[in-house]
Amino acid sequence: LTLGLLDIGLGVLWWGLFVLLTARLSGLMRESGPRK
């Protein structure tokens, strides 16, 4: 149970950071300079 909860916690942390990073990068990619 402890190892399973640790896996779930790390997965939530990883995917949360991934979503925040991609949200920030999508805003950056909407600008024409970096996209070019």
PDB file of all heavy atoms in Angstrom:
ATOM      1  N   LEU A   1       0.833  -1.204   0.000  1.00  0.00           N
ATOM      2  CA  LEU A   1       0.000   0.000   0.000  1.00  0.00           C
ATOM      3  C   LEU A   1       0.869   1.255   0.000  1.00  0.00           C
ATOM      4  O   LEU A   1       0.615   2.194  -0.754  1.00  0.00           O
ATOM      5  CB  LEU A   1      -0.933  -0.010   1.213  1.00  0.00           C
ATOM      6  CG  LEU A   1      -1.868   1.178   1.340  1.00  0.00           C
ATOM      7  CD1 LEU A   1      -2.868   1.187   0.184  1.00  0.00           C
ATOM      8  CD2 LEU A   1      -2.588   1.151   2.667  1.00  0.00           C
ATOM      9  N   THR A   2       1.915   1.264   0.826  1.00  0.00           N
ATOM     10  CA  THR A   2       2.821   2.418   0.877  1.00  0.00           C
ATOM     11  C   THR A   2       3.513   2.633  -0.470  1.00  0.00           C
ATOM     12  O   THR A   2       3.595   3.757  -0.965  1.00  0.00           O
ATOM     13  CB  THR A   2       3.868   2.222   1.983  1.00  0.00           C
ATOM     14  OG1 THR A   2       3.203   2.054   3.226  1.00  0.00           O
ATOM     15  CG2 THR A   2       4.819   3.398   2.062  1.00  0.00           C
ATOM     16  N   LEU A   3       4.020   1.548  -1.055  1.00  0.00           N
ATOM     17  CA  LEU A   3       4.693   1.672  -2.351  1.00  0.00           C
ATOM     18  C   LEU A   3       3.718   2.105  -3.440  1.00  0.00           C
ATOM     19  O   LEU A   3       4.072   2.905  -4.313  1.00  0.00           O
ATOM     20  CB  LEU A   3       5.359   0.349  -2.720  1.00  0.00           C
ATOM     21  CG  LEU A   3       6.572  -0.039  -1.873  1.00  0.00           C
ATOM     22  CD1 LEU A   3       7.003  -1.455  -2.183  1.00  0.00           C
ATOM     23  CD2 LEU A   3       7.701   0.938  -2.083  1.00  0.00           C
ATOM     24  N   GLY A   4       2.501   1.609  -3.410  1.00  0.00           N
ATOM     25  CA  GLY A   4       1.494   2.023  -4.390  1.00  0.00           C
ATOM     26  C   GLY A   4       1.147   3.489  -4.252  1.00  0.00           C
ATOM     27  O   GLY A   4       1.027   4.217  -5.243  1.00  0.00           O
ATOM     28  N   LEU A   5       0.968   3.941  -2.995  1.00  0.00           N
ATOM     29  CA  LEU A   5       0.663   5.364  -2.776  1.00  0.00           C
ATOM     30  C   LEU A   5       1.843   6.250  -3.187  1.00  0.00           C
ATOM     31  O   LEU A   5       1.639   7.351  -3.713  1.00  0.00           O
ATOM     32  CB  LEU A   5       0.294   5.609  -1.318  1.00  0.00           C
ATOM     33  CG  LEU A   5      -1.043   5.024  -0.876  1.00  0.00           C
ATOM     34  CD1 LEU A   5      -1.227   5.192   0.626  1.00  0.00           C
ATOM     35  CD2 LEU A   5      -2.193   5.662  -1.642  1.00  0.00           C
ATOM     36  N   LEU A   6       3.050   5.770  -2.952  1.00  0.00           N
ATOM     37  CA  LEU A   6       4.238   6.517  -3.392  1.00  0.00           C
ATOM     38  C   LEU A   6       4.268   6.635  -4.914  1.00  0.00           C
ATOM     39  O   LEU A   6       4.551   7.711  -5.458  1.00  0.00           O
ATOM     40  CB  LEU A   6       5.501   5.838  -2.877  1.00  0.00           C
ATOM     41  CG  LEU A   6       6.822   6.506  -3.223  1.00  0.00           C
ATOM     42  CD1 LEU A   6       6.911   7.873  -2.562  1.00  0.00           C
ATOM     43  CD2 LEU A   6       7.973   5.627  -2.777  1.00  0.00           C
ATOM     44  N   ASP A   7       3.940   5.557  -5.589  1.00  0.00           N
ATOM     45  CA  ASP A   7       3.894   5.583  -7.052  1.00  0.00           C
ATOM     46  C   ASP A   7       2.821   6.551  -7.543  1.00  0.00           C
ATOM     47  O   ASP A   7       3.063   7.330  -8.472  1.00  0.00           O
ATOM     48  CB  ASP A   7       3.634   4.180  -7.589  1.00  0.00           C
ATOM     49  CG  ASP A   7       3.585   4.149  -9.102  1.00  0.00           C
ATOM     50  OD1 ASP A   7       4.580   4.563  -9.733  1.00  0.00           O
ATOM     51  OD2 ASP A   7       2.554   3.728  -9.649  1.00  0.00           O
ATOM     52  N   ILE A   8       1.668   6.518  -6.928  1.00  0.00           N
ATOM     53  CA  ILE A   8       0.587   7.432  -7.321  1.00  0.00           C
ATOM     54  C   ILE A   8       0.992   8.882  -7.060  1.00  0.00           C
ATOM     55  O   ILE A   8       0.793   9.758  -7.908  1.00  0.00           O
ATOM     56  CB  ILE A   8      -0.710   7.077  -6.567  1.00  0.00           C
ATOM     57  CG1 ILE A   8      -1.256   5.749  -7.076  1.00  0.00           C
ATOM     58  CG2 ILE A   8      -1.752   8.188  -6.714  1.00  0.00           C
ATOM     59  CD1 ILE A   8      -2.385   5.192  -6.239  1.00  0.00           C
ATOM     60  N   GLY A   9       1.594   9.137  -5.894  1.00  0.00           N
ATOM     61  CA  GLY A   9       2.017  10.501  -5.564  1.00  0.00           C
ATOM     62  C   GLY A   9       3.058  11.038  -6.532  1.00  0.00           C
ATOM     63  O   GLY A   9       2.978  12.186  -6.985  1.00  0.00           O
ATOM     64  N   LEU A  10       4.036  10.201  -6.862  1.00  0.00           N
ATOM     65  CA  LEU A  10       5.062  10.635  -7.816  1.00  0.00           C
ATOM     66  C   LEU A  10       4.466  10.847  -9.213  1.00  0.00           C
ATOM     67  O   LEU A  10       4.871  11.770  -9.927  1.00  0.00           O
ATOM     68  CB  LEU A  10       6.198   9.619  -7.876  1.00  0.00           C
ATOM     69  CG  LEU A  10       7.097   9.568  -6.639  1.00  0.00           C
ATOM     70  CD1 LEU A  10       8.070   8.402  -6.730  1.00  0.00           C
ATOM     71  CD2 LEU A  10       7.834  10.873  -6.458  1.00  0.00           C
ATOM     72  N   GLY A  11       3.510  10.003  -9.581  1.00  0.00           N
ATOM     73  CA  GLY A  11       2.852  10.182 -10.877  1.00  0.00           C
ATOM     74  C   GLY A  11       2.071  11.474 -10.947  1.00  0.00           C
ATOM     75  O   GLY A  11       2.118  12.200 -11.943  1.00  0.00           O
ATOM     76  N   VAL A  12       1.350  11.790  -9.870  1.00  0.00           N
ATOM     77  CA  VAL A  12       0.588  13.052  -9.830  1.00  0.00           C
ATOM     78  C   VAL A  12       1.534  14.244  -9.886  1.00  0.00           C
ATOM     79  O   VAL A  12       1.280  15.220 -10.608  1.00  0.00           O
ATOM     80  CB  VAL A  12      -0.307  13.098  -8.575  1.00  0.00           C
ATOM     81  CG1 VAL A  12      -0.854  14.487  -8.334  1.00  0.00           C
ATOM     82  CG2 VAL A  12      -1.440  12.086  -8.694  1.00  0.00           C
ATOM     83  N   LEU A  13       2.631  14.169  -9.141  1.00  0.00           N
ATOM     84  CA  LEU A  13       3.613  15.265  -9.162  1.00  0.00           C
ATOM     85  C   LEU A  13       4.214  15.432 -10.556  1.00  0.00           C
ATOM     86  O   LEU A  13       4.294  16.550 -11.081  1.00  0.00           O
ATOM     87  CB  LEU A  13       4.716  14.983  -8.145  1.00  0.00           C
ATOM     88  CG  LEU A  13       5.842  16.009  -8.076  1.00  0.00           C
ATOM     89  CD1 LEU A  13       5.311  17.325  -7.527  1.00  0.00           C
ATOM     90  CD2 LEU A  13       6.964  15.491  -7.211  1.00  0.00           C
ATOM     91  N   TRP A  14       4.637  14.322 -11.182  1.00  0.00           N
ATOM     92  CA  TRP A  14       5.244  14.380 -12.509  1.00  0.00           C
ATOM     93  C   TRP A  14       4.283  14.959 -13.544  1.00  0.00           C
ATOM     94  O   TRP A  14       4.635  15.862 -14.288  1.00  0.00           O
ATOM     95  CB  TRP A  14       5.731  13.003 -12.934  1.00  0.00           C
ATOM     96  CG  TRP A  14       6.027  12.925 -14.390  1.00  0.00           C
ATOM     97  CD1 TRP A  14       5.316  12.280 -15.332  1.00  0.00           C
ATOM     98  CD2 TRP A  14       7.108  13.574 -15.084  1.00  0.00           C
ATOM     99  NE1 TRP A  14       5.892  12.460 -16.577  1.00  0.00           N
ATOM    100  CE2 TRP A  14       6.987  13.262 -16.445  1.00  0.00           C
ATOM    101  CE3 TRP A  14       8.160  14.388 -14.677  1.00  0.00           C
ATOM    102  CZ2 TRP A  14       7.880  13.720 -17.397  1.00  0.00           C
ATOM    103  CZ3 TRP A  14       9.040  14.838 -15.645  1.00  0.00           C
ATOM    104  CH2 TRP A  14       8.899  14.512 -16.974  1.00  0.00           C
ATOM    105  N   TRP A  15       3.052  14.408 -13.599  1.00  0.00           N
ATOM    106  CA  TRP A  15       2.104  14.877 -14.603  1.00  0.00           C
ATOM    107  C   TRP A  15       1.641  16.300 -14.318  1.00  0.00           C
ATOM    108  O   TRP A  15       1.359  17.057 -15.247  1.00  0.00           O
ATOM    109  CB  TRP A  15       0.924  13.925 -14.725  1.00  0.00           C
ATOM    110  CG  TRP A  15       1.315  12.690 -15.456  1.00  0.00           C
ATOM    111  CD1 TRP A  15       1.436  11.440 -14.944  1.00  0.00           C
ATOM    112  CD2 TRP A  15       1.692  12.592 -16.833  1.00  0.00           C
ATOM    113  NE1 TRP A  15       1.862  10.567 -15.922  1.00  0.00           N
ATOM    114  CE2 TRP A  15       2.022  11.242 -17.090  1.00  0.00           C
ATOM    115  CE3 TRP A  15       1.787  13.509 -17.874  1.00  0.00           C
ATOM    116  CZ2 TRP A  15       2.430  10.802 -18.338  1.00  0.00           C
ATOM    117  CZ3 TRP A  15       2.194  13.056 -19.114  1.00  0.00           C
ATOM    118  CH2 TRP A  15       2.511  11.723 -19.334  1.00  0.00           C
ATOM    119  N   GLY A  16       1.584  16.698 -13.054  1.00  0.00           N
ATOM    120  CA  GLY A  16       1.262  18.087 -12.732  1.00  0.00           C
ATOM    121  C   GLY A  16       2.319  19.042 -13.257  1.00  0.00           C
ATOM    122  O   GLY A  16       2.008  20.071 -13.862  1.00  0.00           O
ATOM    123  N   LEU A  17       3.591  18.699 -13.035  1.00  0.00           N
ATOM    124  CA  LEU A  17       4.677  19.528 -13.564  1.00  0.00           C
ATOM    125  C   LEU A  17       4.681  19.538 -15.087  1.00  0.00           C
ATOM    126  O   LEU A  17       4.926  20.575 -15.711  1.00  0.00           O
ATOM    127  CB  LEU A  17       6.024  19.028 -13.039  1.00  0.00           C
ATOM    128  CG  LEU A  17       6.287  19.255 -11.564  1.00  0.00           C
ATOM    129  CD1 LEU A  17       7.573  18.541 -11.142  1.00  0.00           C
ATOM    130  CD2 LEU A  17       6.357  20.733 -11.248  1.00  0.00           C
ATOM    131  N   PHE A  18       4.398  18.397 -15.687  1.00  0.00           N
ATOM    132  CA  PHE A  18       4.348  18.305 -17.142  1.00  0.00           C
ATOM    133  C   PHE A  18       3.253  19.197 -17.713  1.00  0.00           C
ATOM    134  O   PHE A  18       3.461  19.907 -18.698  1.00  0.00           O
ATOM    135  CB  PHE A  18       4.112  16.848 -17.543  1.00  0.00           C
ATOM    136  CG  PHE A  18       4.085  16.611 -19.021  1.00  0.00           C
ATOM    137  CD1 PHE A  18       5.252  16.586 -19.741  1.00  0.00           C
ATOM    138  CD2 PHE A  18       2.887  16.415 -19.682  1.00  0.00           C
ATOM    139  CE1 PHE A  18       5.240  16.372 -21.108  1.00  0.00           C
ATOM    140  CE2 PHE A  18       2.852  16.201 -21.045  1.00  0.00           C
ATOM    141  CZ  PHE A  18       4.033  16.179 -21.760  1.00  0.00           C
ATOM    142  N   VAL A  19       2.087  19.183 -17.094  1.00  0.00           N
ATOM    143  CA  VAL A  19       0.973  20.020 -17.559  1.00  0.00           C
ATOM    144  C   VAL A  19       1.317  21.495 -17.411  1.00  0.00           C
ATOM    145  O   VAL A  19       1.055  22.302 -18.321  1.00  0.00           O
ATOM    146  CB  VAL A  19      -0.321  19.664 -16.802  1.00  0.00           C
ATOM    147  CG1 VAL A  19      -1.389  20.714 -17.005  1.00  0.00           C
ATOM    148  CG2 VAL A  19      -0.825  18.301 -17.237  1.00  0.00           C
ATOM    149  N   LEU A  20       1.910  21.873 -16.285  1.00  0.00           N
ATOM    150  CA  LEU A  20       2.288  23.282 -16.099  1.00  0.00           C
ATOM    151  C   LEU A  20       3.328  23.725 -17.124  1.00  0.00           C
ATOM    152  O   LEU A  20       3.242  24.824 -17.676  1.00  0.00           O
ATOM    153  CB  LEU A  20       2.820  23.494 -14.683  1.00  0.00           C
ATOM    154  CG  LEU A  20       1.799  23.393 -13.565  1.00  0.00           C
ATOM    155  CD1 LEU A  20       2.502  23.489 -12.204  1.00  0.00           C
ATOM    156  CD2 LEU A  20       0.754  24.485 -13.691  1.00  0.00           C
ATOM    157  N   LEU A  21       4.305  22.866 -17.383  1.00  0.00           N
ATOM    158  CA  LEU A  21       5.339  23.205 -18.361  1.00  0.00           C
ATOM    159  C   LEU A  21       4.764  23.328 -19.763  1.00  0.00           C
ATOM    160  O   LEU A  21       5.073  24.279 -20.481  1.00  0.00           O
ATOM    161  CB  LEU A  21       6.447  22.162 -18.343  1.00  0.00           C
ATOM    162  CG  LEU A  21       7.585  22.379 -19.332  1.00  0.00           C
ATOM    163  CD1 LEU A  21       8.357  23.635 -18.959  1.00  0.00           C
ATOM    164  CD2 LEU A  21       8.510  21.183 -19.353  1.00  0.00           C
ATOM    165  N   THR A  22       3.928  22.385 -20.165  1.00  0.00           N
ATOM    166  CA  THR A  22       3.360  22.457 -21.508  1.00  0.00           C
ATOM    167  C   THR A  22       2.388  23.626 -21.649  1.00  0.00           C
ATOM    168  O   THR A  22       2.294  24.208 -22.734  1.00  0.00           O
ATOM    169  CB  THR A  22       2.650  21.150 -21.888  1.00  0.00           C
ATOM    170  OG1 THR A  22       1.687  20.830 -20.890  1.00  0.00           O
ATOM    171  CG2 THR A  22       3.637  20.027 -22.044  1.00  0.00           C
ATOM    172  N   ALA A  23       1.686  23.990 -20.581  1.00  0.00           N
ATOM    173  CA  ALA A  23       0.815  25.163 -20.644  1.00  0.00           C
ATOM    174  C   ALA A  23       1.639  26.425 -20.863  1.00  0.00           C
ATOM    175  O   ALA A  23       1.277  27.286 -21.658  1.00  0.00           O
ATOM    176  CB  ALA A  23      -0.011  25.274 -19.370  1.00  0.00           C
ATOM    177  N   ARG A  24       2.760  26.507 -20.181  1.00  0.00           N
ATOM    178  CA  ARG A  24       3.629  27.679 -20.344  1.00  0.00           C
ATOM    179  C   ARG A  24       4.255  27.708 -21.742  1.00  0.00           C
ATOM    180  O   ARG A  24       4.351  28.751 -22.379  1.00  0.00           O
ATOM    181  CB  ARG A  24       4.702  27.665 -19.282  1.00  0.00           C
ATOM    182  CG  ARG A  24       5.664  28.818 -19.387  1.00  0.00           C
ATOM    183  CD  ARG A  24       6.432  28.980 -18.137  1.00  0.00           C
ATOM    184  NE  ARG A  24       5.968  30.226 -17.544  1.00  0.00           N
ATOM    185  CZ  ARG A  24       6.294  30.646 -16.356  1.00  0.00           C
ATOM    186  NH1 ARG A  24       7.030  29.906 -15.590  1.00  0.00           N
ATOM    187  NH2 ARG A  24       5.883  31.794 -15.910  1.00  0.00           N
ATOM    188  N   LEU A  25       4.686  26.530 -22.225  1.00  0.00           N
ATOM    189  CA  LEU A  25       5.274  26.473 -23.560  1.00  0.00           C
ATOM    190  C   LEU A  25       4.248  26.740 -24.657  1.00  0.00           C
ATOM    191  O   LEU A  25       4.593  27.313 -25.689  1.00  0.00           O
ATOM    192  CB  LEU A  25       5.936  25.120 -23.795  1.00  0.00           C
ATOM    193  CG  LEU A  25       7.265  24.901 -23.084  1.00  0.00           C
ATOM    194  CD1 LEU A  25       7.758  23.486 -23.291  1.00  0.00           C
ATOM    195  CD2 LEU A  25       8.293  25.894 -23.557  1.00  0.00           C
ATOM    196  N   SER A  26       3.003  26.335 -24.449  1.00  0.00           N
ATOM    197  CA  SER A  26       1.991  26.607 -25.472  1.00  0.00           C
ATOM    198  C   SER A  26       1.738  28.100 -25.587  1.00  0.00           C
ATOM    199  O   SER A  26       1.509  28.614 -26.678  1.00  0.00           O
ATOM    200  CB  SER A  26       0.696  25.859 -25.168  1.00  0.00           C
ATOM    201  OG  SER A  26       0.045  26.431 -24.055  1.00  0.00           O
ATOM    202  N   GLY A  27       1.787  28.808 -24.468  1.00  0.00           N
ATOM    203  CA  GLY A  27       1.674  30.268 -24.525  1.00  0.00           C
ATOM    204  C   GLY A  27       2.835  30.890 -25.261  1.00  0.00           C
ATOM    205  O   GLY A  27       2.668  31.837 -26.035  1.00  0.00           O
ATOM    206  N   LEU A  28       4.025  30.354 -25.049  1.00  0.00           N
ATOM    207  CA  LEU A  28       5.210  30.857 -25.740  1.00  0.00           C
ATOM    208  C   LEU A  28       5.133  30.569 -27.236  1.00  0.00           C
ATOM    209  O   LEU A  28       5.522  31.392 -28.064  1.00  0.00           O
ATOM    210  CB  LEU A  28       6.466  30.222 -25.151  1.00  0.00           C
ATOM    211  CG  LEU A  28       7.796  30.608 -25.770  1.00  0.00           C
ATOM    212  CD1 LEU A  28       8.100  32.066 -25.478  1.00  0.00           C
ATOM    213  CD2 LEU A  28       8.897  29.728 -25.246  1.00  0.00           C
ATOM    214  N   MET A  29       4.622  29.396 -27.603  1.00  0.00           N
ATOM    215  CA  MET A  29       4.559  29.019 -29.010  1.00  0.00           C
ATOM    216  C   MET A  29       3.495  29.780 -29.786  1.00  0.00           C
ATOM    217  O   MET A  29       3.483  29.751 -31.016  1.00  0.00           O
ATOM    218  CB  MET A  29       4.314  27.519 -29.140  1.00  0.00           C
ATOM    219  CG  MET A  29       5.489  26.674 -28.690  1.00  0.00           C
ATOM    220  SD  MET A  29       7.040  27.130 -29.466  1.00  0.00           S
ATOM    221  CE  MET A  29       6.692  26.730 -31.145  1.00  0.00           C
ATOM    222  N   ARG A  30       2.590  30.448 -29.099  1.00  0.00           N
ATOM    223  CA  ARG A  30       1.595  31.261 -29.803  1.00  0.00           C
ATOM    224  C   ARG A  30       2.203  32.547 -30.360  1.00  0.00           C
ATOM    225  O   ARG A  30       1.642  33.162 -31.251  1.00  0.00           O
ATOM    226  CB  ARG A  30       0.442  31.586 -28.854  1.00  0.00           C
ATOM    227  CG  ARG A  30      -0.428  30.401 -28.589  1.00  0.00           C
ATOM    228  CD  ARG A  30      -1.698  30.784 -27.854  1.00  0.00           C
ATOM    229  NE  ARG A  30      -2.471  29.595 -27.581  1.00  0.00           N
ATOM    230  CZ  ARG A  30      -2.619  29.048 -26.386  1.00  0.00           C
ATOM    231  NH1 ARG A  30      -2.045  29.606 -25.336  1.00  0.00           N
ATOM    232  NH2 ARG A  30      -3.339  27.968 -26.219  1.00  0.00           N
ATOM    233  N   GLU A  31       3.357  32.934 -29.822  1.00  0.00           N
ATOM    234  CA  GLU A  31       4.048  34.115 -30.339  1.00  0.00           C
ATOM    235  C   GLU A  31       4.762  33.733 -31.632  1.00  0.00           C
ATOM    236  O   GLU A  31       5.235  32.618 -31.806  1.00  0.00           O
ATOM    237  CB  GLU A  31       5.050  34.625 -29.308  1.00  0.00           C
ATOM    238  CG  GLU A  31       4.401  35.056 -28.009  1.00  0.00           C
ATOM    239  CD  GLU A  31       5.421  35.395 -26.942  1.00  0.00           C
ATOM    240  OE1 GLU A  31       6.612  35.507 -27.270  1.00  0.00           O
ATOM    241  OE2 GLU A  31       5.017  35.535 -25.783  1.00  0.00           O
ATOM    242  N   SER A  32       4.841  34.686 -32.553  1.00  0.00           N
ATOM    243  CA  SER A  32       5.379  34.366 -33.875  1.00  0.00           C
ATOM    244  C   SER A  32       6.896  34.176 -33.882  1.00  0.00           C
ATOM    245  O   SER A  32       7.407  33.364 -34.647  1.00  0.00           O
ATOM    246  CB  SER A  32       4.991  35.449 -34.875  1.00  0.00           C
ATOM    247  OG  SER A  32       5.598  36.677 -34.521  1.00  0.00           O
ATOM    248  N   GLY A  33       7.644  34.881 -33.060  1.00  0.00           N
ATOM    249  CA  GLY A  33       9.107  34.787 -33.083  1.00  0.00           C
ATOM    250  C   GLY A  33       9.621  33.403 -32.741  1.00  0.00           C
ATOM    251  O   GLY A  33      10.334  32.776 -33.536  1.00  0.00           O
ATOM    252  N   PRO A  34       9.314  32.885 -31.559  1.00  0.00           N
ATOM    253  CA  PRO A  34       9.801  31.537 -31.219  1.00  0.00           C
ATOM    254  C   PRO A  34       9.260  30.455 -32.145  1.00  0.00           C
ATOM    255  O   PRO A  34       9.950  29.477 -32.441  1.00  0.00           O
ATOM    256  CB  PRO A  34       9.295  31.310 -29.794  1.00  0.00           C
ATOM    257  CG  PRO A  34       9.039  32.671 -29.256  1.00  0.00           C
ATOM    258  CD  PRO A  34       8.662  33.516 -30.425  1.00  0.00           C
ATOM    259  N   ARG A  35       8.061  30.646 -32.644  1.00  0.00           N
ATOM    260  CA  ARG A  35       7.480  29.641 -33.541  1.00  0.00           C
ATOM    261  C   ARG A  35       8.240  29.595 -34.868  1.00  0.00           C
ATOM    262  O   ARG A  35       8.490  28.528 -35.412  1.00  0.00           O
ATOM    263  CB  ARG A  35       6.011  29.951 -33.783  1.00  0.00           C
ATOM    264  CG  ARG A  35       5.341  28.859 -34.569  1.00  0.00           C
ATOM    265  CD  ARG A  35       3.861  29.114 -34.687  1.00  0.00           C
ATOM    266  NE  ARG A  35       3.259  28.041 -35.405  1.00  0.00           N
ATOM    267  CZ  ARG A  35       2.328  27.249 -34.910  1.00  0.00           C
ATOM    268  NH1 ARG A  35       1.893  27.444 -33.702  1.00  0.00           N
ATOM    269  NH2 ARG A  35       1.824  26.296 -35.633  1.00  0.00           N
ATOM    270  N   LYS A  36       8.628  30.757 -35.377  1.00  0.00           N
ATOM    271  CA  LYS A  36       9.404  30.790 -36.622  1.00  0.00           C
ATOM    272  C   LYS A  36      10.756  30.112 -36.435  1.00  0.00           C
ATOM    273  O   LYS A  36      11.212  29.372 -37.308  1.00  0.00           O
ATOM    274  CB  LYS A  36       9.598  32.233 -37.091  1.00  0.00           C
ATOM    275  CG  LYS A  36       8.371  32.839 -37.721  1.00  0.00           C
ATOM    276  CD  LYS A  36       8.668  34.251 -38.202  1.00  0.00           C
ATOM    277  CE  LYS A  36       7.413  34.886 -38.783  1.00  0.00           C
ATOM    278  NZ  LYS A  36       7.650  36.245 -39.247  1.00  0.00           N
TER     279      LYS A  36
END
